[in-house]
N, C-alpha and C. Protein backbone atom coordinates (compact mmCIF):
# COMPACT_ATOMS: atom_id res chain seq x y z
N MET A 1 39.07 -34.95 67.55
CA MET A 1 39.68 -35.48 68.74
C MET A 1 40.35 -36.82 68.45
N ASN A 2 39.74 -37.64 67.58
CA ASN A 2 40.31 -38.93 67.23
C ASN A 2 41.64 -38.78 66.51
N LYS A 3 41.84 -37.67 65.79
CA LYS A 3 43.10 -37.44 65.09
C LYS A 3 44.21 -37.06 66.06
N ILE A 4 43.89 -36.44 67.17
CA ILE A 4 44.87 -36.02 68.17
C ILE A 4 45.42 -37.23 68.92
N LEU A 5 44.56 -38.19 69.25
CA LEU A 5 44.96 -39.36 70.02
C LEU A 5 46.09 -40.15 69.34
N PRO A 6 45.99 -40.46 68.04
CA PRO A 6 47.10 -41.19 67.40
C PRO A 6 48.41 -40.38 67.41
N ALA A 7 48.34 -39.07 67.25
CA ALA A 7 49.54 -38.25 67.26
C ALA A 7 50.19 -38.26 68.64
N VAL A 8 49.39 -38.16 69.69
CA VAL A 8 49.91 -38.20 71.06
C VAL A 8 50.50 -39.57 71.34
N LEU A 9 49.80 -40.62 70.95
CA LEU A 9 50.27 -41.98 71.16
C LEU A 9 51.59 -42.20 70.43
N CYS A 10 51.69 -41.68 69.23
CA CYS A 10 52.91 -41.79 68.45
C CYS A 10 54.09 -41.11 69.17
N ARG A 11 53.84 -39.93 69.72
CA ARG A 11 54.89 -39.20 70.45
C ARG A 11 55.31 -39.96 71.71
N ILE A 12 54.34 -40.54 72.40
CA ILE A 12 54.64 -41.31 73.61
C ILE A 12 55.49 -42.53 73.26
N LEU A 13 55.11 -43.21 72.19
CA LEU A 13 55.90 -44.39 71.77
C LEU A 13 57.30 -43.99 71.35
N LEU A 14 57.44 -42.89 70.66
CA LEU A 14 58.75 -42.41 70.24
C LEU A 14 59.60 -42.05 71.46
N LEU A 15 59.01 -41.37 72.42
CA LEU A 15 59.72 -41.01 73.64
C LEU A 15 60.15 -42.27 74.40
N ALA A 16 59.26 -43.25 74.49
CA ALA A 16 59.59 -44.52 75.17
C ALA A 16 60.75 -45.21 74.47
N ALA A 17 60.75 -45.21 73.14
CA ALA A 17 61.84 -45.84 72.39
C ALA A 17 63.16 -45.15 72.66
N VAL A 18 63.15 -43.82 72.71
CA VAL A 18 64.36 -43.06 73.00
C VAL A 18 64.88 -43.38 74.41
N VAL A 19 63.98 -43.43 75.39
CA VAL A 19 64.37 -43.75 76.76
C VAL A 19 64.98 -45.14 76.84
N ILE A 20 64.34 -46.12 76.21
CA ILE A 20 64.84 -47.50 76.23
C ILE A 20 66.19 -47.58 75.54
N PHE A 21 66.33 -46.95 74.38
CA PHE A 21 67.59 -46.96 73.65
C PHE A 21 68.70 -46.32 74.48
N THR A 22 68.42 -45.19 75.12
CA THR A 22 69.41 -44.50 75.95
C THR A 22 69.83 -45.38 77.12
N ALA A 23 68.89 -46.02 77.77
CA ALA A 23 69.20 -46.89 78.92
C ALA A 23 70.05 -48.08 78.48
N CYS A 24 69.72 -48.68 77.36
CA CYS A 24 70.50 -49.81 76.85
C CYS A 24 71.90 -49.37 76.46
N ASN A 25 72.00 -48.23 75.83
CA ASN A 25 73.30 -47.72 75.41
C ASN A 25 74.17 -47.39 76.62
N ALA A 26 73.60 -46.78 77.65
CA ALA A 26 74.35 -46.45 78.86
C ALA A 26 74.81 -47.73 79.54
N SER A 27 73.95 -48.73 79.58
CA SER A 27 74.29 -50.01 80.20
C SER A 27 75.43 -50.68 79.44
N GLN A 28 75.40 -50.61 78.11
CA GLN A 28 76.44 -51.20 77.28
C GLN A 28 77.76 -50.48 77.51
N LYS A 29 77.75 -49.15 77.59
CA LYS A 29 78.98 -48.39 77.82
C LYS A 29 79.58 -48.75 79.17
N GLU A 30 78.72 -48.91 80.20
CA GLU A 30 79.20 -49.26 81.52
C GLU A 30 79.85 -50.64 81.49
N ALA A 31 79.28 -51.57 80.76
CA ALA A 31 79.81 -52.92 80.67
C ALA A 31 81.14 -52.94 79.93
N GLU A 32 81.38 -51.97 79.09
CA GLU A 32 82.62 -51.91 78.32
C GLU A 32 83.78 -51.32 79.12
N LEU A 33 83.51 -50.90 80.36
CA LEU A 33 84.56 -50.35 81.20
C LEU A 33 85.13 -51.43 82.11
N GLN A 34 86.39 -51.26 82.47
CA GLN A 34 87.05 -52.17 83.38
C GLN A 34 87.63 -51.35 84.52
N GLU A 35 87.44 -51.84 85.74
CA GLU A 35 87.95 -51.12 86.91
C GLU A 35 89.22 -51.81 87.41
N HIS A 36 90.21 -50.98 87.75
CA HIS A 36 91.46 -51.44 88.34
C HIS A 36 91.63 -50.74 89.68
N VAL A 37 92.22 -51.45 90.63
CA VAL A 37 92.44 -50.90 91.96
C VAL A 37 93.93 -51.00 92.27
N PHE A 38 94.50 -49.88 92.72
CA PHE A 38 95.92 -49.84 93.07
C PHE A 38 96.08 -49.31 94.49
N VAL A 39 97.17 -49.71 95.15
CA VAL A 39 97.46 -49.23 96.50
C VAL A 39 98.89 -48.72 96.57
N VAL A 40 99.11 -47.76 97.47
CA VAL A 40 100.43 -47.20 97.73
C VAL A 40 100.39 -46.59 99.13
N ASN A 41 101.54 -46.43 99.73
CA ASN A 41 101.63 -45.72 101.00
C ASN A 41 102.23 -44.35 100.78
N ILE A 42 101.88 -43.43 101.65
CA ILE A 42 102.53 -42.12 101.68
C ILE A 42 103.66 -42.23 102.72
N VAL A 43 104.77 -41.58 102.45
CA VAL A 43 105.88 -41.57 103.40
C VAL A 43 105.32 -41.19 104.77
N HIS A 44 105.71 -41.95 105.79
CA HIS A 44 105.13 -41.75 107.13
C HIS A 44 105.69 -40.46 107.76
N ASP A 45 105.08 -39.37 107.37
CA ASP A 45 105.46 -38.05 107.87
C ASP A 45 104.21 -37.19 107.77
N PRO A 46 103.69 -36.71 108.91
CA PRO A 46 102.43 -35.95 108.89
C PRO A 46 102.45 -34.75 107.94
N GLN A 47 103.58 -34.05 107.85
CA GLN A 47 103.65 -32.88 106.97
C GLN A 47 103.60 -33.30 105.50
N LYS A 48 104.29 -34.39 105.16
CA LYS A 48 104.25 -34.87 103.77
C LYS A 48 102.83 -35.31 103.40
N LEU A 49 102.17 -35.98 104.33
CA LEU A 49 100.79 -36.41 104.07
C LEU A 49 99.90 -35.20 103.84
N LYS A 50 100.02 -34.20 104.68
CA LYS A 50 99.20 -32.98 104.54
C LYS A 50 99.46 -32.30 103.20
N THR A 51 100.73 -32.19 102.83
CA THR A 51 101.08 -31.54 101.56
C THR A 51 100.53 -32.34 100.38
N TYR A 52 100.67 -33.65 100.44
CA TYR A 52 100.16 -34.52 99.37
C TYR A 52 98.65 -34.33 99.20
N LEU A 53 97.94 -34.34 100.32
CA LEU A 53 96.49 -34.16 100.27
C LEU A 53 96.12 -32.76 99.76
N ASP A 54 96.88 -31.75 100.16
CA ASP A 54 96.65 -30.39 99.68
C ASP A 54 96.82 -30.31 98.16
N TYR A 55 97.87 -30.95 97.64
CA TYR A 55 98.06 -30.96 96.19
C TYR A 55 96.83 -31.53 95.48
N HIS A 56 96.26 -32.57 96.06
CA HIS A 56 95.12 -33.21 95.40
C HIS A 56 93.82 -32.43 95.56
N GLN A 57 93.82 -31.41 96.39
CA GLN A 57 92.67 -30.51 96.44
C GLN A 57 92.72 -29.48 95.30
N HIS A 58 93.90 -29.37 94.69
CA HIS A 58 94.12 -28.39 93.61
C HIS A 58 94.95 -29.02 92.49
N ILE A 59 94.44 -30.11 91.94
CA ILE A 59 95.18 -30.79 90.87
C ILE A 59 95.32 -29.86 89.68
N TRP A 60 96.52 -29.85 89.14
CA TRP A 60 96.79 -28.97 88.00
C TRP A 60 95.89 -29.35 86.82
N PRO A 61 95.32 -28.37 86.15
CA PRO A 61 94.38 -28.65 85.05
C PRO A 61 95.01 -29.47 83.93
N GLU A 62 96.30 -29.28 83.69
CA GLU A 62 96.98 -30.04 82.63
C GLU A 62 96.98 -31.54 82.94
N VAL A 63 97.05 -31.87 84.23
CA VAL A 63 97.06 -33.27 84.64
C VAL A 63 95.72 -33.92 84.30
N GLU A 64 94.63 -33.27 84.66
CA GLU A 64 93.32 -33.84 84.34
C GLU A 64 93.07 -33.84 82.83
N ALA A 65 93.59 -32.86 82.13
CA ALA A 65 93.47 -32.86 80.66
C ALA A 65 94.24 -34.05 80.08
N GLY A 66 95.38 -34.37 80.68
CA GLY A 66 96.15 -35.55 80.25
C GLY A 66 95.38 -36.84 80.49
N PHE A 67 94.68 -36.92 81.62
CA PHE A 67 93.84 -38.10 81.91
C PHE A 67 92.78 -38.26 80.82
N LYS A 68 92.14 -37.15 80.47
CA LYS A 68 91.09 -37.20 79.44
C LYS A 68 91.67 -37.64 78.10
N LYS A 69 92.80 -37.06 77.73
CA LYS A 69 93.46 -37.38 76.46
C LYS A 69 93.82 -38.86 76.40
N ALA A 70 94.25 -39.43 77.53
CA ALA A 70 94.66 -40.83 77.57
C ALA A 70 93.49 -41.80 77.54
N GLY A 71 92.29 -41.32 77.88
CA GLY A 71 91.11 -42.17 77.82
C GLY A 71 90.62 -42.71 79.16
N TYR A 72 91.18 -42.20 80.27
CA TYR A 72 90.67 -42.62 81.57
C TYR A 72 89.22 -42.13 81.69
N ARG A 73 88.34 -42.98 82.24
CA ARG A 73 86.94 -42.59 82.40
C ARG A 73 86.67 -42.06 83.81
N LYS A 74 87.36 -42.66 84.79
CA LYS A 74 87.13 -42.23 86.18
C LYS A 74 88.34 -42.62 87.02
N ILE A 75 88.76 -41.71 87.87
CA ILE A 75 89.84 -41.99 88.81
C ILE A 75 89.36 -41.50 90.17
N THR A 76 89.44 -42.37 91.17
CA THR A 76 89.04 -42.01 92.53
C THR A 76 90.13 -42.43 93.49
N LEU A 77 90.49 -41.54 94.40
CA LEU A 77 91.47 -41.85 95.44
C LEU A 77 90.78 -41.95 96.78
N TYR A 78 91.16 -42.96 97.56
CA TYR A 78 90.67 -43.15 98.92
C TYR A 78 91.88 -43.18 99.84
N ARG A 79 91.65 -42.86 101.11
CA ARG A 79 92.76 -42.86 102.05
C ARG A 79 92.34 -43.45 103.38
N TYR A 80 93.23 -44.25 103.94
CA TYR A 80 93.12 -44.68 105.32
C TYR A 80 94.50 -44.45 105.93
N ASP A 81 94.60 -43.44 106.79
CA ASP A 81 95.87 -43.08 107.41
C ASP A 81 96.88 -42.79 106.30
N TYR A 82 97.95 -43.56 106.19
CA TYR A 82 98.97 -43.31 105.16
C TYR A 82 98.81 -44.22 103.94
N LEU A 83 97.80 -45.06 103.96
CA LEU A 83 97.52 -45.95 102.84
C LEU A 83 96.57 -45.28 101.86
N LEU A 84 96.93 -45.28 100.58
CA LEU A 84 96.06 -44.74 99.54
C LEU A 84 95.57 -45.88 98.66
N VAL A 85 94.32 -45.79 98.25
CA VAL A 85 93.72 -46.73 97.32
C VAL A 85 93.20 -45.91 96.14
N MET A 86 93.55 -46.33 94.94
CA MET A 86 93.10 -45.63 93.73
C MET A 86 92.32 -46.60 92.87
N THR A 87 91.11 -46.19 92.48
CA THR A 87 90.35 -46.97 91.50
C THR A 87 90.34 -46.18 90.20
N ILE A 88 90.55 -46.89 89.12
CA ILE A 88 90.46 -46.25 87.81
C ILE A 88 89.54 -47.08 86.93
N SER A 89 88.72 -46.41 86.16
CA SER A 89 87.87 -47.06 85.17
C SER A 89 88.38 -46.67 83.79
N VAL A 90 88.61 -47.70 82.99
CA VAL A 90 89.15 -47.50 81.64
C VAL A 90 88.39 -48.40 80.68
N PRO A 91 88.48 -48.14 79.39
CA PRO A 91 87.84 -49.05 78.44
C PRO A 91 88.39 -50.47 78.62
N ALA A 92 87.52 -51.46 78.54
CA ALA A 92 87.94 -52.86 78.70
C ALA A 92 89.07 -53.19 77.74
N GLY A 93 90.10 -53.84 78.28
CA GLY A 93 91.24 -54.24 77.47
C GLY A 93 92.26 -53.15 77.22
N ALA A 94 92.07 -51.98 77.81
CA ALA A 94 93.00 -50.87 77.58
C ALA A 94 94.39 -51.21 78.11
N ASP A 95 95.41 -50.70 77.46
CA ASP A 95 96.80 -50.87 77.88
C ASP A 95 97.12 -49.77 78.89
N LEU A 96 97.15 -50.11 80.17
CA LEU A 96 97.36 -49.11 81.21
C LEU A 96 98.72 -48.43 81.10
N GLY A 97 99.72 -49.17 80.71
CA GLY A 97 101.06 -48.57 80.53
C GLY A 97 101.05 -47.50 79.46
N GLN A 98 100.43 -47.81 78.34
CA GLN A 98 100.35 -46.83 77.24
C GLN A 98 99.49 -45.63 77.64
N MET A 99 98.41 -45.89 78.36
CA MET A 99 97.57 -44.78 78.81
C MET A 99 98.35 -43.84 79.72
N GLY A 100 99.15 -44.41 80.62
CA GLY A 100 99.98 -43.59 81.51
C GLY A 100 100.96 -42.74 80.73
N LYS A 101 101.59 -43.34 79.71
CA LYS A 101 102.55 -42.59 78.87
C LYS A 101 101.85 -41.47 78.11
N THR A 102 100.65 -41.76 77.60
CA THR A 102 99.89 -40.74 76.86
C THR A 102 99.53 -39.59 77.78
N ALA A 103 99.05 -39.91 78.99
CA ALA A 103 98.67 -38.87 79.94
C ALA A 103 99.87 -38.01 80.31
N GLU A 104 101.00 -38.67 80.58
CA GLU A 104 102.20 -37.94 81.01
C GLU A 104 102.78 -37.08 79.89
N SER A 105 102.64 -37.54 78.64
CA SER A 105 103.21 -36.78 77.53
C SER A 105 102.31 -35.65 77.05
N TYR A 106 101.11 -35.55 77.59
CA TYR A 106 100.17 -34.52 77.15
C TYR A 106 100.74 -33.12 77.32
N ASP A 107 101.42 -32.88 78.45
CA ASP A 107 101.95 -31.56 78.76
C ASP A 107 103.12 -31.76 79.72
N LYS A 108 104.10 -30.87 79.68
CA LYS A 108 105.27 -31.02 80.56
C LYS A 108 104.86 -31.02 82.04
N HIS A 109 103.76 -30.37 82.37
CA HIS A 109 103.30 -30.34 83.76
C HIS A 109 102.81 -31.71 84.25
N CYS A 110 102.39 -32.57 83.32
CA CYS A 110 101.92 -33.91 83.70
C CYS A 110 103.09 -34.75 84.23
N ALA A 111 104.18 -34.74 83.51
CA ALA A 111 105.38 -35.47 83.97
C ALA A 111 105.91 -34.84 85.25
N GLU A 112 105.88 -33.53 85.34
CA GLU A 112 106.33 -32.84 86.55
C GLU A 112 105.47 -33.24 87.75
N TRP A 113 104.15 -33.33 87.55
CA TRP A 113 103.24 -33.75 88.62
C TRP A 113 103.61 -35.14 89.12
N ASN A 114 103.83 -36.06 88.18
CA ASN A 114 104.17 -37.44 88.56
C ASN A 114 105.48 -37.51 89.34
N ARG A 115 106.48 -36.75 88.92
CA ARG A 115 107.75 -36.73 89.66
C ARG A 115 107.55 -36.15 91.06
N LEU A 116 106.77 -35.10 91.16
CA LEU A 116 106.50 -34.47 92.44
C LEU A 116 105.76 -35.43 93.38
N MET A 117 104.70 -36.07 92.89
CA MET A 117 103.91 -36.98 93.72
C MET A 117 104.74 -38.21 94.13
N ASP A 118 105.61 -38.64 93.25
CA ASP A 118 106.47 -39.80 93.52
C ASP A 118 107.31 -39.59 94.78
N GLY A 119 107.68 -38.37 95.06
CA GLY A 119 108.48 -38.05 96.24
C GLY A 119 107.73 -38.23 97.56
N TYR A 120 106.41 -38.34 97.49
CA TYR A 120 105.59 -38.51 98.69
C TYR A 120 105.20 -39.97 98.90
N GLN A 121 105.40 -40.80 97.89
CA GLN A 121 104.89 -42.16 97.92
C GLN A 121 105.99 -43.17 98.24
N THR A 122 105.56 -44.26 98.88
CA THR A 122 106.44 -45.38 99.15
C THR A 122 105.64 -46.66 98.94
N GLY A 123 106.30 -47.72 98.56
CA GLY A 123 105.59 -48.96 98.26
C GLY A 123 104.94 -49.60 99.47
N VAL A 124 104.06 -50.52 99.21
CA VAL A 124 103.42 -51.30 100.26
C VAL A 124 104.26 -52.56 100.48
N ALA A 125 104.02 -53.23 101.59
CA ALA A 125 104.74 -54.48 101.88
C ALA A 125 104.55 -55.45 100.72
N GLY A 126 105.65 -56.05 100.28
CA GLY A 126 105.59 -57.01 99.18
C GLY A 126 105.78 -56.40 97.80
N ALA A 127 105.85 -55.08 97.71
CA ALA A 127 106.07 -54.43 96.41
C ALA A 127 107.51 -54.67 95.97
N GLY A 128 107.73 -54.68 94.67
CA GLY A 128 109.08 -54.84 94.14
C GLY A 128 109.97 -53.66 94.52
N GLN A 129 111.25 -53.83 94.30
CA GLN A 129 112.24 -52.83 94.71
C GLN A 129 111.95 -51.43 94.15
N HIS A 130 111.57 -51.34 92.91
CA HIS A 130 111.32 -50.04 92.29
C HIS A 130 109.83 -49.79 92.07
N GLU A 131 108.98 -50.57 92.75
CA GLU A 131 107.53 -50.44 92.62
C GLU A 131 106.97 -49.63 93.76
N LYS A 132 106.01 -48.78 93.43
CA LYS A 132 105.29 -48.05 94.47
C LYS A 132 103.82 -48.42 94.40
N TRP A 133 103.13 -47.99 93.35
CA TRP A 133 101.72 -48.37 93.18
C TRP A 133 101.68 -49.84 92.79
N VAL A 134 100.84 -50.61 93.48
CA VAL A 134 100.69 -52.03 93.19
C VAL A 134 99.20 -52.30 92.95
N GLU A 135 98.92 -53.09 91.89
CA GLU A 135 97.52 -53.41 91.61
C GLU A 135 97.01 -54.47 92.57
N ALA A 136 95.85 -54.19 93.15
CA ALA A 136 95.16 -55.15 94.01
C ALA A 136 94.20 -55.93 93.12
N LEU A 137 94.28 -57.23 93.18
CA LEU A 137 93.47 -58.06 92.30
C LEU A 137 92.19 -58.51 93.00
N PRO A 138 91.07 -58.49 92.30
CA PRO A 138 89.81 -58.88 92.92
C PRO A 138 89.79 -60.38 93.21
N PHE A 139 89.17 -60.76 94.32
CA PHE A 139 89.02 -62.17 94.62
C PHE A 139 87.59 -62.52 95.01
N TYR A 140 86.71 -61.51 95.14
CA TYR A 140 85.30 -61.75 95.43
C TYR A 140 84.50 -60.57 94.91
N ARG A 141 83.33 -60.86 94.36
CA ARG A 141 82.46 -59.80 93.88
C ARG A 141 81.02 -60.23 94.07
N PHE A 142 80.20 -59.37 94.58
CA PHE A 142 78.76 -59.60 94.67
C PHE A 142 78.08 -58.61 93.74
N THR A 143 77.18 -59.09 92.94
CA THR A 143 76.42 -58.23 92.03
C THR A 143 74.95 -58.63 92.12
N LYS A 144 74.11 -57.68 92.37
CA LYS A 144 72.67 -57.93 92.35
C LYS A 144 72.18 -57.67 90.93
N GLU A 145 71.62 -58.66 90.34
CA GLU A 145 71.13 -58.48 88.97
C GLU A 145 69.67 -58.69 88.89
């Protein structure tokens, strides 16, 4: 019986080490991500809004494959009336312009998707003449540590 106890204890310690290592590694990966927030309006037309939302219920697989290829970790869209908010998580320091080009060049359908969606979007107040999506910059953050 005394021989069993050290073996069990050894397994428990090994399992604990794996759990701790996994938790630390996951925490480190999360810290290495950077979140960006963008806003855009949809053209003020109920049918265009409905069609735009319908497209996003059935995003073309090539588009999501392009996102993966480019290195995006997470993309979430939110909506309030005709205002859209997009959050993206990418590796810290990533070049968003290059990531967009990589995603779009993955497949001809990716560029086609962007052209199609562009027809539904219009800039927000204060956006540049040829700008639609505008990055919203953080000015306050609360974190419980």
